[in-house]
N, C-alpha and C. Protein backbone atom coordinates (compact mmCIF):
# COMPACT_ATOMS: atom_id res chain seq x y z
N UNK A 1 0.81 -1.22 -0.01
CA UNK A 1 -0.08 0.16 0.11
C UNK A 1 0.83 1.36 -0.02
N UNK A 2 0.34 2.26 -0.74
CA UNK A 2 1.16 3.60 -0.72
C UNK A 2 0.40 4.54 0.25
N UNK A 3 1.23 5.51 0.77
CA UNK A 3 0.69 6.59 1.43
C UNK A 3 -0.03 7.63 0.46
N UNK A 4 -1.22 8.18 1.02
CA UNK A 4 -2.02 9.05 0.40
C UNK A 4 -2.14 10.30 1.17
N UNK A 5 -2.35 11.49 0.52
CA UNK A 5 -2.71 12.83 1.40
C UNK A 5 -3.95 13.43 0.46
N UNK A 6 -4.77 14.01 1.27
CA UNK A 6 -5.86 14.71 0.72
C UNK A 6 -5.58 15.88 -0.24
N UNK A 7 -6.32 16.00 -1.33
CA UNK A 7 -6.14 17.31 -2.23
C UNK A 7 -6.68 18.39 -1.31
N UNK A 8 -6.33 19.58 -1.66
CA UNK A 8 -6.73 20.56 -1.03
C UNK A 8 -8.16 20.93 -1.59
N UNK A 9 -9.10 20.14 -1.19
CA UNK A 9 -10.47 20.44 -1.69
C UNK A 9 -11.40 20.55 -0.48
N UNK A 10 -12.29 21.49 -0.59
CA UNK A 10 -13.32 21.64 0.46
C UNK A 10 -14.39 22.35 0.19
N UNK A 11 -15.49 22.46 0.83
CA UNK A 11 -16.67 23.04 0.71
C UNK A 11 -17.23 23.39 1.97
N UNK A 12 -18.11 24.24 2.13
CA UNK A 12 -18.79 24.83 3.43
C UNK A 12 -19.87 25.40 3.24
N UNK A 13 -20.93 25.07 4.41
CA UNK A 13 -22.15 25.95 4.54
C UNK A 13 -21.93 26.66 5.82
N UNK A 14 -22.05 27.94 5.75
CA UNK A 14 -21.87 28.81 6.93
C UNK A 14 -23.05 29.75 6.96
N UNK A 15 -23.93 29.81 7.97
CA UNK A 15 -24.98 30.61 8.12
C UNK A 15 -25.46 31.05 6.81
N UNK A 16 -26.60 30.26 6.23
CA UNK A 16 -26.79 30.65 4.74
C UNK A 16 -27.31 31.90 4.59
N UNK A 17 -27.02 32.42 3.50
CA UNK A 17 -27.50 33.79 3.07
C UNK A 17 -27.81 33.42 1.36
N UNK A 18 -26.72 33.41 0.72
CA UNK A 18 -26.88 33.05 -0.60
C UNK A 18 -25.94 32.03 -1.34
N UNK A 19 -26.58 30.97 -1.84
CA UNK A 19 -25.94 29.86 -2.07
C UNK A 19 -24.88 30.16 -3.44
N UNK A 20 -23.75 29.35 -3.14
CA UNK A 20 -22.76 29.45 -4.27
C UNK A 20 -22.26 28.01 -4.34
N UNK A 21 -22.01 27.24 -5.54
CA UNK A 21 -21.68 26.02 -5.57
C UNK A 21 -19.96 26.10 -5.41
N UNK A 22 -19.46 24.86 -5.04
CA UNK A 22 -18.24 24.60 -5.19
C UNK A 22 -17.97 23.31 -4.79
N UNK A 23 -17.34 22.43 -5.62
CA UNK A 23 -17.33 20.90 -5.53
C UNK A 23 -15.55 20.80 -5.37
N UNK A 24 -15.22 20.73 -4.01
CA UNK A 24 -13.86 20.54 -3.73
C UNK A 24 -13.73 19.42 -2.80
N UNK A 25 -13.96 18.02 -2.99
CA UNK A 25 -13.41 16.95 -2.04
C UNK A 25 -13.89 17.02 -0.72
N UNK A 26 -13.12 17.27 0.23
CA UNK A 26 -13.58 17.40 1.64
C UNK A 26 -14.76 18.55 1.70
N UNK A 27 -15.87 18.08 2.21
CA UNK A 27 -16.85 18.97 2.40
C UNK A 27 -17.38 19.23 3.74
N UNK A 28 -18.05 20.29 3.97
CA UNK A 28 -18.52 20.56 5.35
C UNK A 28 -19.21 21.60 5.42
N UNK A 29 -19.47 21.99 6.68
CA UNK A 29 -20.03 23.35 6.97
C UNK A 29 -19.38 24.11 8.32
N UNK A 30 -19.64 25.17 8.43
CA UNK A 30 -19.31 26.00 9.57
C UNK A 30 -20.68 26.80 10.12
N UNK A 31 -20.54 27.01 11.34
CA UNK A 31 -21.63 27.79 11.68
C UNK A 31 -22.77 26.94 12.40
N UNK A 32 -23.36 27.86 13.33
CA UNK A 32 -24.48 27.04 14.04
C UNK A 32 -25.79 26.94 13.25
N UNK A 33 -26.50 25.86 13.26
CA UNK A 33 -27.88 25.90 12.74
C UNK A 33 -27.82 25.76 11.31
N UNK A 34 -26.64 25.31 10.75
CA UNK A 34 -26.85 25.17 9.22
C UNK A 34 -26.93 23.84 8.80
N UNK A 35 -27.25 23.50 7.65
CA UNK A 35 -27.53 22.27 7.04
C UNK A 35 -26.71 22.27 5.73
N UNK A 36 -26.16 21.04 5.76
CA UNK A 36 -25.33 20.75 4.30
C UNK A 36 -26.37 20.68 3.30
N UNK A 37 -26.46 21.37 2.28
CA UNK A 37 -27.27 21.00 1.34
C UNK A 37 -26.89 19.75 0.41
N UNK A 38 -26.77 20.10 -0.78
CA UNK A 38 -26.32 18.80 -1.60
C UNK A 38 -24.61 18.82 -1.53
N UNK A 39 -24.23 17.78 -2.16
CA UNK A 39 -22.79 17.32 -2.15
C UNK A 39 -21.89 18.70 -2.81
N UNK A 40 -21.07 19.11 -1.92
CA UNK A 40 -20.22 20.29 -2.42
C UNK A 40 -20.72 21.73 -2.34
N UNK A 41 -22.05 21.90 -1.72
CA UNK A 41 -22.75 22.99 -1.50
C UNK A 41 -21.76 24.05 -0.74
N UNK A 42 -21.85 25.38 -1.21
CA UNK A 42 -21.03 26.24 -0.42
C UNK A 42 -21.75 27.49 -0.37
N UNK A 43 -21.75 28.09 0.75
CA UNK A 43 -22.06 29.49 0.93
C UNK A 43 -20.96 30.21 1.25
N UNK A 44 -20.73 31.28 0.45
CA UNK A 44 -19.49 32.06 0.66
C UNK A 44 -19.79 33.42 1.16
N UNK A 45 -19.14 33.79 2.01
CA UNK A 45 -19.32 34.97 2.75
C UNK A 45 -18.60 36.09 2.16
N UNK A 46 -17.14 36.06 2.19
CA UNK A 46 -16.19 36.92 1.62
C UNK A 46 -14.82 36.45 1.67
N UNK A 47 -13.94 37.28 1.35
CA UNK A 47 -12.64 36.78 0.96
C UNK A 47 -11.97 36.67 2.47
N UNK A 48 -12.41 37.11 3.44
CA UNK A 48 -11.81 36.91 4.71
C UNK A 48 -12.23 35.65 5.05
N UNK A 49 -13.58 35.33 5.13
CA UNK A 49 -14.08 34.00 5.43
C UNK A 49 -13.31 32.86 4.54
N UNK A 50 -13.30 33.02 3.28
CA UNK A 50 -12.66 31.99 2.44
C UNK A 50 -11.16 31.84 2.88
N UNK A 51 -10.42 32.93 2.93
CA UNK A 51 -8.90 32.79 3.39
C UNK A 51 -8.86 31.89 4.70
N UNK A 52 -9.50 32.06 5.72
CA UNK A 52 -9.57 31.51 6.90
C UNK A 52 -9.88 29.93 6.79
N UNK A 53 -11.07 29.78 6.04
CA UNK A 53 -11.46 28.53 5.60
C UNK A 53 -10.56 27.72 5.07
N UNK A 54 -9.97 28.29 4.03
CA UNK A 54 -8.99 27.49 3.15
C UNK A 54 -7.64 27.21 4.01
N UNK A 55 -7.24 28.10 4.83
CA UNK A 55 -6.24 28.07 5.88
C UNK A 55 -6.34 26.68 6.74
N UNK A 56 -7.61 26.66 7.29
CA UNK A 56 -8.01 25.30 8.09
C UNK A 56 -8.01 24.09 7.34
N UNK A 57 -8.58 24.01 5.98
CA UNK A 57 -8.48 22.87 5.26
C UNK A 57 -7.15 22.53 4.89
N UNK A 58 -6.26 23.51 4.43
CA UNK A 58 -5.04 23.28 3.97
C UNK A 58 -4.16 22.61 5.29
N UNK A 59 -4.35 23.18 6.54
CA UNK A 59 -3.59 22.41 7.70
C UNK A 59 -4.25 21.17 8.07
N UNK A 60 -5.40 20.95 7.81
CA UNK A 60 -5.81 19.45 8.05
C UNK A 60 -5.33 18.65 6.92
N UNK A 61 -5.45 19.32 5.53
CA UNK A 61 -4.92 18.34 4.58
C UNK A 61 -3.50 17.90 4.74
N UNK A 62 -2.79 18.91 5.23
CA UNK A 62 -1.25 18.73 5.34
C UNK A 62 -1.02 17.74 6.40
N UNK A 63 -1.75 17.53 7.19
CA UNK A 63 -1.47 16.38 8.50
C UNK A 63 -2.24 15.04 8.19
N UNK A 64 -3.13 15.01 7.08
CA UNK A 64 -3.76 13.87 6.89
C UNK A 64 -3.14 12.74 6.05
N UNK A 65 -2.76 11.67 6.60
CA UNK A 65 -2.09 10.62 5.88
C UNK A 65 -3.10 9.26 6.24
N UNK A 66 -3.31 8.68 4.94
CA UNK A 66 -4.00 7.60 4.93
C UNK A 66 -3.32 6.46 4.32
N UNK A 67 -2.84 5.32 4.85
CA UNK A 67 -2.24 4.21 4.38
C UNK A 67 -3.28 3.25 4.02
N UNK A 68 -3.96 3.41 2.83
CA UNK A 68 -4.81 2.33 2.26
C UNK A 68 -5.22 2.88 0.81
N UNK A 69 -6.16 2.32 0.38
CA UNK A 69 -6.89 2.54 -0.84
C UNK A 69 -7.44 3.92 -1.12
N UNK A 70 -7.03 4.78 -1.92
CA UNK A 70 -7.67 6.15 -2.03
C UNK A 70 -8.88 5.64 -3.00
N UNK A 71 -9.15 4.52 -3.61
CA UNK A 71 -10.13 4.24 -4.38
C UNK A 71 -11.25 3.80 -3.64
N UNK A 72 -11.02 3.57 -2.31
CA UNK A 72 -12.16 3.06 -1.44
C UNK A 72 -13.22 3.87 -1.31
N UNK A 73 -14.57 3.17 -1.29
CA UNK A 73 -15.68 4.00 -1.16
C UNK A 73 -15.90 4.38 0.39
N UNK A 74 -15.04 5.25 1.00
CA UNK A 74 -15.04 5.41 2.51
C UNK A 74 -15.21 7.08 2.61
N UNK A 75 -16.18 7.11 3.67
CA UNK A 75 -16.33 8.65 4.05
C UNK A 75 -16.45 8.77 5.42
N UNK A 76 -16.23 9.84 5.89
CA UNK A 76 -16.28 9.90 7.40
C UNK A 76 -16.73 11.31 7.75
N UNK A 77 -17.59 11.68 8.78
CA UNK A 77 -17.93 13.03 8.95
C UNK A 77 -17.36 13.49 10.37
N UNK A 78 -16.66 14.41 10.41
CA UNK A 78 -16.10 14.84 11.75
C UNK A 78 -16.44 16.25 12.23
N UNK A 79 -16.83 16.43 13.41
CA UNK A 79 -17.27 17.81 13.84
C UNK A 79 -16.29 18.29 14.95
N UNK A 80 -16.02 19.70 15.06
CA UNK A 80 -14.99 20.07 15.96
C UNK A 80 -15.18 21.64 16.08
N UNK A 81 -14.63 22.19 17.07
CA UNK A 81 -14.85 23.65 17.19
C UNK A 81 -13.43 24.38 17.19
N UNK A 82 -13.33 25.50 16.58
CA UNK A 82 -12.02 26.30 16.80
C UNK A 82 -12.26 27.42 17.68
N UNK A 83 -11.60 27.43 18.86
CA UNK A 83 -11.84 28.40 19.96
C UNK A 83 -11.42 29.84 19.41
N UNK A 84 -11.81 31.04 20.03
CA UNK A 84 -11.43 32.25 19.66
C UNK A 84 -9.80 32.44 19.45
N UNK A 85 -8.99 31.62 20.17
CA UNK A 85 -7.54 31.78 19.98
C UNK A 85 -7.05 30.87 19.15
N UNK A 86 -7.96 30.19 18.43
CA UNK A 86 -7.42 29.24 17.25
C UNK A 86 -7.23 27.74 17.57
N UNK A 87 -7.57 27.45 19.12
CA UNK A 87 -7.34 25.92 19.42
C UNK A 87 -8.46 25.27 18.92
N UNK A 88 -7.97 24.21 18.31
CA UNK A 88 -9.11 23.13 17.61
C UNK A 88 -9.44 22.20 18.98
N UNK A 89 -10.67 22.23 19.37
CA UNK A 89 -11.07 21.40 20.52
C UNK A 89 -12.44 20.48 20.01
N UNK A 90 -12.81 19.54 20.73
CA UNK A 90 -13.96 18.75 20.73
C UNK A 90 -14.06 18.08 19.48
N UNK A 91 -12.98 17.52 18.80
CA UNK A 91 -12.87 16.52 17.84
C UNK A 91 -13.74 15.47 17.87
N UNK A 92 -14.83 15.28 17.06
CA UNK A 92 -15.65 13.94 17.39
C UNK A 92 -16.19 13.49 16.04
N UNK A 93 -16.27 12.16 15.85
CA UNK A 93 -16.71 11.63 14.63
C UNK A 93 -18.27 11.78 14.76
N UNK A 94 -19.12 12.06 13.63
CA UNK A 94 -20.50 12.21 13.74
C UNK A 94 -21.01 11.20 12.75
N UNK A 95 -20.25 10.57 11.86
CA UNK A 95 -20.67 9.49 11.03
C UNK A 95 -19.24 8.68 10.66
N UNK A 96 -19.48 7.47 10.71
CA UNK A 96 -18.27 6.63 10.20
C UNK A 96 -18.10 6.02 8.90
N UNK A 97 -17.00 5.70 8.25
CA UNK A 97 -16.92 5.16 7.10
C UNK A 97 -16.95 3.71 7.17
N UNK A 98 -17.23 3.13 8.28
CA UNK A 98 -17.00 1.61 8.56
C UNK A 98 -15.76 1.00 8.68
N UNK A 99 -14.67 1.91 8.47
CA UNK A 99 -13.24 1.43 8.44
C UNK A 99 -12.62 2.13 9.80
N UNK A 100 -12.24 1.68 10.86
CA UNK A 100 -11.76 2.41 11.95
C UNK A 100 -10.58 3.12 11.76
N UNK A 101 -9.82 2.42 10.90
CA UNK A 101 -8.53 3.07 10.45
C UNK A 101 -8.57 4.29 9.77
N UNK A 102 -9.55 4.36 8.81
CA UNK A 102 -9.67 5.48 7.78
C UNK A 102 -10.20 6.70 8.95
N UNK A 103 -11.29 6.22 9.56
CA UNK A 103 -11.97 7.23 10.52
C UNK A 103 -10.81 7.81 11.43
N UNK A 104 -9.94 6.95 12.11
CA UNK A 104 -9.11 7.59 12.93
C UNK A 104 -7.90 8.31 12.30
N UNK A 105 -7.62 8.05 10.93
CA UNK A 105 -6.72 8.90 10.20
C UNK A 105 -7.16 10.27 10.15
N UNK A 106 -8.38 10.49 9.79
CA UNK A 106 -8.89 11.86 9.76
C UNK A 106 -9.17 12.64 11.11
N UNK A 107 -9.29 11.85 12.30
CA UNK A 107 -9.48 12.50 13.56
C UNK A 107 -7.97 12.73 14.04
N UNK A 108 -7.05 11.87 13.52
CA UNK A 108 -5.59 12.34 14.12
C UNK A 108 -5.19 13.47 13.32
N UNK A 109 -5.71 13.72 11.81
CA UNK A 109 -5.05 14.74 11.15
C UNK A 109 -5.65 16.04 11.84
N UNK A 110 -6.99 16.18 12.14
CA UNK A 110 -7.58 17.27 12.87
C UNK A 110 -6.96 17.60 14.17
N UNK A 111 -6.66 16.62 14.87
CA UNK A 111 -6.17 16.88 16.33
C UNK A 111 -4.47 17.12 16.07
N UNK A 112 -3.94 16.59 15.17
CA UNK A 112 -2.53 16.90 15.18
C UNK A 112 -2.34 18.47 14.56
N UNK A 113 -3.26 19.06 13.96
CA UNK A 113 -3.15 20.46 13.69
C UNK A 113 -3.09 21.20 15.06
N UNK A 114 -4.12 20.96 15.87
CA UNK A 114 -3.97 21.52 17.26
C UNK A 114 -4.35 22.94 17.34
N UNK A 115 -3.68 23.84 16.69
CA UNK A 115 -3.82 25.14 16.71
C UNK A 115 -3.76 25.98 15.27
N UNK A 116 -4.65 26.76 15.19
CA UNK A 116 -4.69 27.66 13.79
C UNK A 116 -4.55 29.21 14.30
N UNK A 117 -4.44 29.99 13.40
CA UNK A 117 -4.46 31.34 13.62
C UNK A 117 -5.84 31.67 14.25
N UNK A 118 -6.06 32.64 15.18
CA UNK A 118 -7.43 32.94 15.65
C UNK A 118 -8.39 33.14 14.39
N UNK A 119 -9.77 32.69 14.45
CA UNK A 119 -10.64 33.03 13.45
C UNK A 119 -10.93 34.44 13.26
N UNK A 120 -11.14 35.00 12.15
CA UNK A 120 -11.50 36.38 12.02
C UNK A 120 -12.75 36.56 12.86
N UNK A 121 -12.73 37.76 13.64
CA UNK A 121 -13.71 38.05 14.87
C UNK A 121 -15.07 38.12 14.27
N UNK A 122 -15.38 38.34 12.84
CA UNK A 122 -16.65 38.49 12.60
C UNK A 122 -17.29 37.00 12.20
N UNK A 123 -16.36 36.03 12.20
CA UNK A 123 -16.67 34.53 11.63
C UNK A 123 -16.34 33.62 12.99
N UNK A 124 -16.12 34.21 14.20
CA UNK A 124 -15.80 33.23 15.18
C UNK A 124 -17.04 32.25 15.53
N UNK A 125 -18.31 32.66 15.53
CA UNK A 125 -19.33 31.92 15.59
C UNK A 125 -19.31 30.64 14.53
N UNK A 126 -19.09 31.13 13.23
CA UNK A 126 -19.09 30.15 12.32
C UNK A 126 -18.00 29.05 12.37
N UNK A 127 -16.82 29.35 13.09
CA UNK A 127 -15.92 28.36 13.25
C UNK A 127 -15.94 27.76 14.65
N UNK A 128 -16.87 28.08 15.40
CA UNK A 128 -17.01 27.54 16.49
C UNK A 128 -17.64 26.11 16.49
N UNK A 129 -18.24 25.95 15.44
CA UNK A 129 -19.02 24.54 15.07
C UNK A 129 -18.85 24.32 13.52
N UNK A 130 -17.78 23.41 13.33
CA UNK A 130 -17.29 22.94 12.04
C UNK A 130 -17.79 21.43 11.69
N UNK A 131 -18.37 21.02 10.73
CA UNK A 131 -18.37 19.80 10.49
C UNK A 131 -17.99 19.41 8.97
N UNK A 132 -17.04 18.60 8.86
CA UNK A 132 -16.39 18.32 7.69
C UNK A 132 -16.57 16.78 7.33
N UNK A 133 -16.72 16.50 5.94
CA UNK A 133 -16.90 15.18 5.49
C UNK A 133 -15.54 14.83 4.52
N UNK A 134 -14.89 13.84 5.04
CA UNK A 134 -13.64 13.29 4.28
C UNK A 134 -13.89 12.19 3.58
N UNK A 135 -13.63 12.13 2.26
CA UNK A 135 -13.74 10.87 1.65
C UNK A 135 -12.27 10.31 1.04
N UNK A 136 -12.19 9.11 1.09
CA UNK A 136 -10.95 8.30 0.54
C UNK A 136 -10.69 8.73 -1.00
N UNK A 137 -11.79 8.82 -1.62
CA UNK A 137 -11.75 9.05 -3.10
C UNK A 137 -11.23 10.53 -3.36
N UNK A 138 -11.09 11.40 -2.37
CA UNK A 138 -10.40 12.68 -2.42
C UNK A 138 -8.84 12.68 -2.18
N UNK A 139 -8.24 11.63 -2.04
CA UNK A 139 -6.91 11.39 -1.80
C UNK A 139 -6.19 11.23 -3.13
N UNK A 140 -4.93 11.72 -3.21
CA UNK A 140 -4.01 11.60 -4.39
C UNK A 140 -2.92 10.77 -3.99
N UNK A 141 -2.09 9.98 -4.70
CA UNK A 141 -1.07 9.47 -4.42
C UNK A 141 0.13 10.19 -4.19
N UNK A 142 1.03 9.84 -3.31
CA UNK A 142 2.29 10.58 -3.23
C UNK A 142 3.27 10.23 -4.20
């Protein structure tokens, strides 16, 4: 088996206002009371939000190592919070892929990031509740 890392792909729903589509692999949502629409649905706020969101995704992606098949039909959903100081807390799996090793690889990636820069003040509530979907098919070979 070869090691794989996630592509820098993501989407988010954060406090819905006006939908915009993005299909970028790891998908998710930030913000309280939001619902993930379709696969890859994204609500974009502004460049400040996107910059921070992309920083978060890239940090997780750079720590995500899966020693297994990238072609497997595996996906896991993980929820966590980013504290006002940027600390990642409360990492918890909300749905399993059925493969405990895959699930753990995602949780380990998020936990190993540990700390990001503080979220932008106007988006702290959005990043206080983040849920991301990780798929093995979003991985690329090293």
